[in-house]
Each structure stands twice: as structure tokens, then as C-alpha cells.
PDB file of N, CA and C in Angstrom:
ATOM      1  N   UNK A   1      18.982  -9.408  -3.980  1.00  0.00           N
ATOM      2  CA  UNK A   1      18.684  -8.371  -2.972  1.00  0.00           C
ATOM      3  C   UNK A   1      18.110  -7.060  -3.604  1.00  0.00           C
ATOM      4  N   UNK A   2      18.682  -6.760  -4.768  1.00  0.00           N
ATOM      5  CA  UNK A   2      18.331  -5.541  -5.548  1.00  0.00           C
ATOM      6  C   UNK A   2      16.853  -5.600  -5.918  1.00  0.00           C
ATOM      7  N   UNK A   3      16.377  -6.789  -6.303  1.00  0.00           N
ATOM      8  CA  UNK A   3      14.929  -6.927  -6.653  1.00  0.00           C
ATOM      9  C   UNK A   3      14.063  -6.576  -5.475  1.00  0.00           C
ATOM     10  N   UNK A   4      14.391  -7.021  -4.264  1.00  0.00           N
ATOM     11  CA  UNK A   4      13.568  -6.850  -3.091  1.00  0.00           C
ATOM     12  C   UNK A   4      13.547  -5.368  -2.757  1.00  0.00           C
ATOM     13  N   UNK A   5      14.753  -4.698  -2.918  1.00  0.00           N
ATOM     14  CA  UNK A   5      14.816  -3.253  -2.571  1.00  0.00           C
ATOM     15  C   UNK A   5      13.992  -2.431  -3.597  1.00  0.00           C
ATOM     16  N   UNK A   6      14.022  -2.863  -4.785  1.00  0.00           N
ATOM     17  CA  UNK A   6      13.180  -2.163  -5.904  1.00  0.00           C
ATOM     18  C   UNK A   6      11.789  -2.306  -5.592  1.00  0.00           C
ATOM     19  N   UNK A   7      11.334  -3.435  -5.092  1.00  0.00           N
ATOM     20  CA  UNK A   7       9.916  -3.642  -4.765  1.00  0.00           C
ATOM     21  C   UNK A   7       9.557  -2.785  -3.501  1.00  0.00           C
ATOM     22  N   UNK A   8      10.407  -2.746  -2.623  1.00  0.00           N
ATOM     23  CA  UNK A   8      10.059  -1.892  -1.388  1.00  0.00           C
ATOM     24  C   UNK A   8      10.005  -0.504  -1.753  1.00  0.00           C
ATOM     25  N   UNK A   9      10.908  -0.062  -2.556  1.00  0.00           N
ATOM     26  CA  UNK A   9      11.034   1.459  -2.983  1.00  0.00           C
ATOM     27  C   UNK A   9       9.611   1.722  -3.743  1.00  0.00           C
ATOM     28  N   UNK A  10       9.352   0.798  -4.643  1.00  0.00           N
ATOM     29  CA  UNK A  10       8.137   1.063  -5.353  1.00  0.00           C
ATOM     30  C   UNK A  10       6.834   1.180  -4.472  1.00  0.00           C
ATOM     31  N   UNK A  11       6.742   0.231  -3.582  1.00  0.00           N
ATOM     32  CA  UNK A  11       5.542   0.170  -2.655  1.00  0.00           C
ATOM     33  C   UNK A  11       5.578   1.455  -1.799  1.00  0.00           C
ATOM     34  N   UNK A  12       6.696   1.886  -1.366  1.00  0.00           N
ATOM     35  CA  UNK A  12       6.766   3.209  -0.556  1.00  0.00           C
ATOM     36  C   UNK A  12       6.364   4.433  -1.461  1.00  0.00           C
ATOM     37  N   UNK A  13       6.769   4.413  -2.663  1.00  0.00           N
ATOM     38  CA  UNK A  13       6.329   5.506  -3.579  1.00  0.00           C
ATOM     39  C   UNK A  13       4.903   5.463  -3.804  1.00  0.00           C
ATOM     40  N   UNK A  14       4.313   4.293  -4.057  1.00  0.00           N
ATOM     41  CA  UNK A  14       2.875   4.152  -4.216  1.00  0.00           C
ATOM     42  C   UNK A  14       2.111   4.610  -3.069  1.00  0.00           C
ATOM     43  N   UNK A  15       2.618   4.356  -1.884  1.00  0.00           N
ATOM     44  CA  UNK A  15       1.922   4.707  -0.598  1.00  0.00           C
ATOM     45  C   UNK A  15       2.020   6.204  -0.455  1.00  0.00           C
ATOM     46  N   UNK A  16       3.161   6.748  -0.850  1.00  0.00           N
ATOM     47  CA  UNK A  16       3.343   8.333  -0.815  1.00  0.00           C
ATOM     48  C   UNK A  16       2.360   8.925  -1.729  1.00  0.00           C
ATOM     49  N   UNK A  17       2.247   8.381  -2.951  1.00  0.00           N
ATOM     50  CA  UNK A  17       1.364   8.960  -3.928  1.00  0.00           C
ATOM     51  C   UNK A  17      -0.135   8.907  -3.468  1.00  0.00           C
ATOM     52  N   UNK A  18      -0.546   7.734  -2.904  1.00  0.00           N
ATOM     53  CA  UNK A  18      -1.922   7.525  -2.514  1.00  0.00           C
ATOM     54  C   UNK A  18      -2.280   8.492  -1.405  1.00  0.00           C
ATOM     55  N   UNK A  19      -1.249   8.757  -0.401  1.00  0.00           N
ATOM     56  CA  UNK A  19      -1.532   9.594   0.614  1.00  0.00           C
ATOM     57  C   UNK A  19      -1.093  11.063   0.386  1.00  0.00           C
ATOM     58  N   UNK A  20      -0.642  11.294  -0.872  1.00  0.00           N
ATOM     59  CA  UNK A  20      -0.106  12.611  -1.293  1.00  0.00           C
ATOM     60  C   UNK A  20       0.869  13.198  -0.331  1.00  0.00           C
ATOM     61  N   UNK A  21       1.917  12.443  -0.047  1.00  0.00           N
ATOM     62  CA  UNK A  21       3.044  12.781   0.865  1.00  0.00           C
ATOM     63  C   UNK A  21       4.291  13.109   0.063  1.00  0.00           C
ATOM     64  N   UNK A  22       4.889  14.261   0.192  1.00  0.00           N
ATOM     65  CA  UNK A  22       6.101  14.452  -0.450  1.00  0.00           C
ATOM     66  C   UNK A  22       7.303  13.902   0.257  1.00  0.00           C
ATOM     67  N   UNK A  23       8.452  13.865  -0.328  1.00  0.00           N
ATOM     68  CA  UNK A  23       9.704  13.400   0.404  1.00  0.00           C
ATOM     69  C   UNK A  23      10.036  14.268   1.612  1.00  0.00           C
ATOM     70  N   UNK A  24       9.815  15.517   1.430  1.00  0.00           N
ATOM     71  CA  UNK A  24      10.105  16.440   2.544  1.00  0.00           C
ATOM     72  C   UNK A  24       9.096  16.146   3.702  1.00  0.00           C
ATOM     73  N   UNK A  25       7.867  15.954   3.394  1.00  0.00           N
ATOM     74  CA  UNK A  25       6.811  15.628   4.525  1.00  0.00           C
ATOM     75  C   UNK A  25       7.178  14.238   5.073  1.00  0.00           C
ATOM     76  N   UNK A  26       7.518  13.288   4.298  1.00  0.00           N
ATOM     77  CA  UNK A  26       7.877  12.041   4.850  1.00  0.00           C
ATOM     78  C   UNK A  26       9.103  12.070   5.804  1.00  0.00           C
ATOM     79  N   UNK A  27      10.014  12.857   5.319  1.00  0.00           N
ATOM     80  CA  UNK A  27      11.259  13.011   6.151  1.00  0.00           C
ATOM     81  C   UNK A  27      10.900  13.614   7.514  1.00  0.00           C
ATOM     82  N   UNK A  28      10.072  14.585   7.474  1.00  0.00           N
ATOM     83  CA  UNK A  28       9.651  15.322   8.683  1.00  0.00           C
ATOM     84  C   UNK A  28       8.871  14.285   9.623  1.00  0.00           C
ATOM     85  N   UNK A  29       7.957  13.379   8.978  1.00  0.00           N
ATOM     86  CA  UNK A  29       7.175  12.533   9.748  1.00  0.00           C
ATOM     87  C   UNK A  29       8.028  11.428  10.356  1.00  0.00           C
ATOM     88  N   UNK A  30       9.146  11.054   9.660  1.00  0.00           N
ATOM     89  CA  UNK A  30      10.025   9.992  10.224  1.00  0.00           C
ATOM     90  C   UNK A  30      11.109  10.513  11.013  1.00  0.00           C
ATOM     91  N   UNK A  31      11.169  11.904  11.150  1.00  0.00           N
ATOM     92  CA  UNK A  31      12.281  12.519  11.787  1.00  0.00           C
ATOM     93  C   UNK A  31      13.658  12.158  11.235  1.00  0.00           C
ATOM     94  N   UNK A  32      13.772  12.346   9.968  1.00  0.00           N
ATOM     95  CA  UNK A  32      14.968  12.028   9.324  1.00  0.00           C
ATOM     96  C   UNK A  32      15.216  13.106   8.201  1.00  0.00           C
ATOM     97  N   UNK A  33      16.284  12.957   7.359  1.00  0.00           N
ATOM     98  CA  UNK A  33      16.461  13.926   6.400  1.00  0.00           C
ATOM     99  C   UNK A  33      16.020  13.457   5.017  1.00  0.00           C
ATOM    100  N   UNK A  34      15.777  14.485   4.066  1.00  0.00           N
ATOM    101  CA  UNK A  34      15.283  14.217   2.798  1.00  0.00           C
ATOM    102  C   UNK A  34      16.220  13.284   2.034  1.00  0.00           C
ATOM    103  N   UNK A  35      17.549  13.477   2.316  1.00  0.00           N
ATOM    104  CA  UNK A  35      18.526  12.543   1.785  1.00  0.00           C
ATOM    105  C   UNK A  35      18.323  11.163   2.048  1.00  0.00           C
ATOM    106  N   UNK A  36      18.031  10.914   3.344  1.00  0.00           N
ATOM    107  CA  UNK A  36      17.801   9.480   3.808  1.00  0.00           C
ATOM    108  C   UNK A  36      16.624   8.992   3.087  1.00  0.00           C
ATOM    109  N   UNK A  37      15.484   9.760   2.903  1.00  0.00           N
ATOM    110  CA  UNK A  37      14.342   9.385   2.135  1.00  0.00           C
ATOM    111  C   UNK A  37      14.709   9.050   0.726  1.00  0.00           C
ATOM    112  N   UNK A  38      15.503   9.779   0.079  1.00  0.00           N
ATOM    113  CA  UNK A  38      15.983   9.697  -1.225  1.00  0.00           C
ATOM    114  C   UNK A  38      16.648   8.348  -1.308  1.00  0.00           C
ATOM    115  N   UNK A  39      17.508   7.954  -0.311  1.00  0.00           N
ATOM    116  CA  UNK A  39      18.223   6.621  -0.330  1.00  0.00           C
ATOM    117  C   UNK A  39      17.192   5.489  -0.181  1.00  0.00           C
ATOM    118  N   UNK A  40      16.209   5.676   0.684  1.00  0.00           N
ATOM    119  CA  UNK A  40      15.231   4.656   0.891  1.00  0.00           C
ATOM    120  C   UNK A  40      14.412   4.432  -0.379  1.00  0.00           C
ATOM    121  N   UNK A  41      14.125   5.448  -1.151  1.00  0.00           N
ATOM    122  CA  UNK A  41      13.344   5.295  -2.327  1.00  0.00           C
ATOM    123  C   UNK A  41      14.137   4.913  -3.599  1.00  0.00           C
ATOM    124  N   UNK A  42      15.429   4.874  -3.384  1.00  0.00           N
ATOM    125  CA  UNK A  42      16.396   4.623  -4.608  1.00  0.00           C
ATOM    126  C   UNK A  42      16.290   3.091  -4.758  1.00  0.00           C
ATOM    127  N   UNK A  43      15.845   2.496  -5.789  1.00  0.00           N
ATOM    128  CA  UNK A  43      15.752   1.066  -5.976  1.00  0.00           C
ATOM    129  C   UNK A  43      17.122   0.477  -6.098  1.00  0.00           C
ATOM    130  N   UNK A  44      18.181   1.245  -6.482  1.00  0.00           N
ATOM    131  CA  UNK A  44      19.497   0.683  -6.713  1.00  0.00           C
ATOM    132  C   UNK A  44      20.458   0.719  -5.467  1.00  0.00           C
ATOM    133  N   UNK A  45      19.876   1.483  -4.433  1.00  0.00           N
ATOM    134  CA  UNK A  45      20.673   1.622  -3.259  1.00  0.00           C
ATOM    135  C   UNK A  45      20.334   0.604  -2.261  1.00  0.00           C
ATOM    136  N   UNK A  46      21.154  -0.416  -1.997  1.00  0.00           N
ATOM    137  CA  UNK A  46      20.915  -1.524  -1.135  1.00  0.00           C
ATOM    138  C   UNK A  46      21.392  -1.283   0.314  1.00  0.00           C
ATOM    139  N   UNK A  47      21.962  -0.108   0.506  1.00  0.00           N
ATOM    140  CA  UNK A  47      22.468   0.330   1.882  1.00  0.00           C
ATOM    141  C   UNK A  47      21.494   0.984   2.806  1.00  0.00           C
ATOM    142  N   UNK A  48      20.359   0.318   2.963  1.00  0.00           N
ATOM    143  CA  UNK A  48      19.310   0.909   3.748  1.00  0.00           C
ATOM    144  C   UNK A  48      19.247  -0.017   5.039  1.00  0.00           C
ATOM    145  N   UNK A  49      19.170   0.686   6.246  1.00  0.00           N
ATOM    146  CA  UNK A  49      19.037   0.000   7.490  1.00  0.00           C
ATOM    147  C   UNK A  49      17.675  -0.520   7.705  1.00  0.00           C
ATOM    148  N   UNK A  50      17.618  -1.678   8.410  1.00  0.00           N
ATOM    149  CA  UNK A  50      16.268  -2.266   8.757  1.00  0.00           C
ATOM    150  C   UNK A  50      15.532  -1.200   9.537  1.00  0.00           C
ATOM    151  N   UNK A  51      16.056  -0.427  10.444  1.00  0.00           N
ATOM    152  CA  UNK A  51      15.281   0.604  11.203  1.00  0.00           C
ATOM    153  C   UNK A  51      14.674   1.549  10.282  1.00  0.00           C
ATOM    154  N   UNK A  52      15.280   1.915   9.222  1.00  0.00           N
ATOM    155  CA  UNK A  52      14.716   2.822   8.277  1.00  0.00           C
ATOM    156  C   UNK A  52      13.391   2.319   7.582  1.00  0.00           C
ATOM    157  N   UNK A  53      13.580   1.059   7.272  1.00  0.00           N
ATOM    158  CA  UNK A  53      12.414   0.342   6.711  1.00  0.00           C
ATOM    159  C   UNK A  53      11.231   0.213   7.737  1.00  0.00           C
ATOM    160  N   UNK A  54      11.602  -0.071   8.981  1.00  0.00           N
ATOM    161  CA  UNK A  54      10.631  -0.056  10.037  1.00  0.00           C
ATOM    162  C   UNK A  54       9.880   1.208  10.156  1.00  0.00           C
ATOM    163  N   UNK A  55      10.652   2.248  10.213  1.00  0.00           N
ATOM    164  CA  UNK A  55      10.049   3.635  10.343  1.00  0.00           C
ATOM    165  C   UNK A  55       9.211   3.976   9.162  1.00  0.00           C
ATOM    166  N   UNK A  56       9.695   3.590   7.924  1.00  0.00           N
ATOM    167  CA  UNK A  56       8.904   3.873   6.732  1.00  0.00           C
ATOM    168  C   UNK A  56       7.547   3.051   6.791  1.00  0.00           C
ATOM    169  N   UNK A  57       7.557   1.933   7.402  1.00  0.00           N
ATOM    170  CA  UNK A  57       6.381   1.088   7.419  1.00  0.00           C
ATOM    171  C   UNK A  57       5.291   1.830   8.221  1.00  0.00           C
ATOM    172  N   UNK A  58       5.643   2.839   9.093  1.00  0.00           N
ATOM    173  CA  UNK A  58       4.827   3.614   9.923  1.00  0.00           C
ATOM    174  C   UNK A  58       3.838   4.414   9.074  1.00  0.00           C
ATOM    175  N   UNK A  59       4.034   4.470   7.685  1.00  0.00           N
ATOM    176  CA  UNK A  59       3.133   5.125   6.875  1.00  0.00           C
ATOM    177  C   UNK A  59       1.754   4.499   6.625  1.00  0.00           C
ATOM    178  N   UNK A  60       1.623   3.372   7.311  1.00  0.00           N
ATOM    179  CA  UNK A  60       0.334   2.583   7.175  1.00  0.00           C
ATOM    180  C   UNK A  60       0.615   1.315   6.524  1.00  0.00           C
ATOM    181  N   UNK A  61       1.862   0.851   6.428  1.00  0.00           N
ATOM    182  CA  UNK A  61       2.128  -0.484   5.971  1.00  0.00           C
ATOM    183  C   UNK A  61       2.742  -1.319   6.998  1.00  0.00           C
ATOM    184  N   UNK A  62       2.853  -2.571   6.709  1.00  0.00           N
ATOM    185  CA  UNK A  62       3.534  -3.429   7.629  1.00  0.00           C
ATOM    186  C   UNK A  62       4.881  -3.980   6.961  1.00  0.00           C
ATOM    187  N   UNK A  63       5.839  -4.129   7.766  1.00  0.00           N
ATOM    188  CA  UNK A  63       7.080  -4.760   7.312  1.00  0.00           C
ATOM    189  C   UNK A  63       7.143  -6.106   7.777  1.00  0.00           C
ATOM    190  N   UNK A  64       7.432  -7.031   6.914  1.00  0.00           N
ATOM    191  CA  UNK A  64       7.525  -8.505   7.338  1.00  0.00           C
ATOM    192  C   UNK A  64       8.917  -8.999   6.780  1.00  0.00           C
ATOM    193  N   UNK A  65       9.719  -9.438   7.598  1.00  0.00           N
ATOM    194  CA  UNK A  65      11.019  -9.973   7.221  1.00  0.00           C
ATOM    195  C   UNK A  65      11.077 -11.448   7.797  1.00  0.00           C
ATOM    196  N   UNK A  66      11.463 -12.284   6.863  1.00  0.00           N
ATOM    197  CA  UNK A  66      11.468 -13.782   7.313  1.00  0.00           C
ATOM    198  C   UNK A  66      12.715 -14.357   6.700  1.00  0.00           C
ATOM    199  N   UNK A  67      13.257 -15.340   7.509  1.00  0.00           N
ATOM    200  CA  UNK A  67      14.305 -16.183   6.989  1.00  0.00           C
ATOM    201  C   UNK A  67      13.616 -17.530   6.851  1.00  0.00           C
ATOM    202  N   UNK A  68      13.651 -18.116   5.712  1.00  0.00           N
ATOM    203  CA  UNK A  68      12.911 -19.364   5.492  1.00  0.00           C
ATOM    204  C   UNK A  68      13.929 -20.480   5.056  1.00  0.00           C
TER     205      UNK A  68
END
């Protein structure tokens, strides 16, 4: 699980860099706190809700979750 969270955190950071969006701006866009964004971007923090990932995907990415 930690590996997948690290990949998601990295992808979100790359998207933020590409769009020149700060943590504060992303928090405002997602109607959440900067603390929540920090948790979302922390690759070691696995306590992130699916709803937070769905909201973060609104930055122009798609979230795909599968059970195989």
C-alpha cells in the first residue's frame, strides 16, 4: 500500500508543478485545508480517504481503482 500512496503523491506533485499550483491554492480549489493537502502529498501517510483522492483527481487527472 505504501508504494501506491507514494506513486499517487508523486503524480499529484508533478501535476501541481506542471500547473504551477501551490499547496495553499490546491487546498482552496478542493475546499479543504492545507494540512489535508500535506497529508495527501505525504508518501508515508496511508491514512487518506478515497474521497480526498477523487477530489485531487479534479486537477485534471483520472482516478482509477480496481480490485482484480
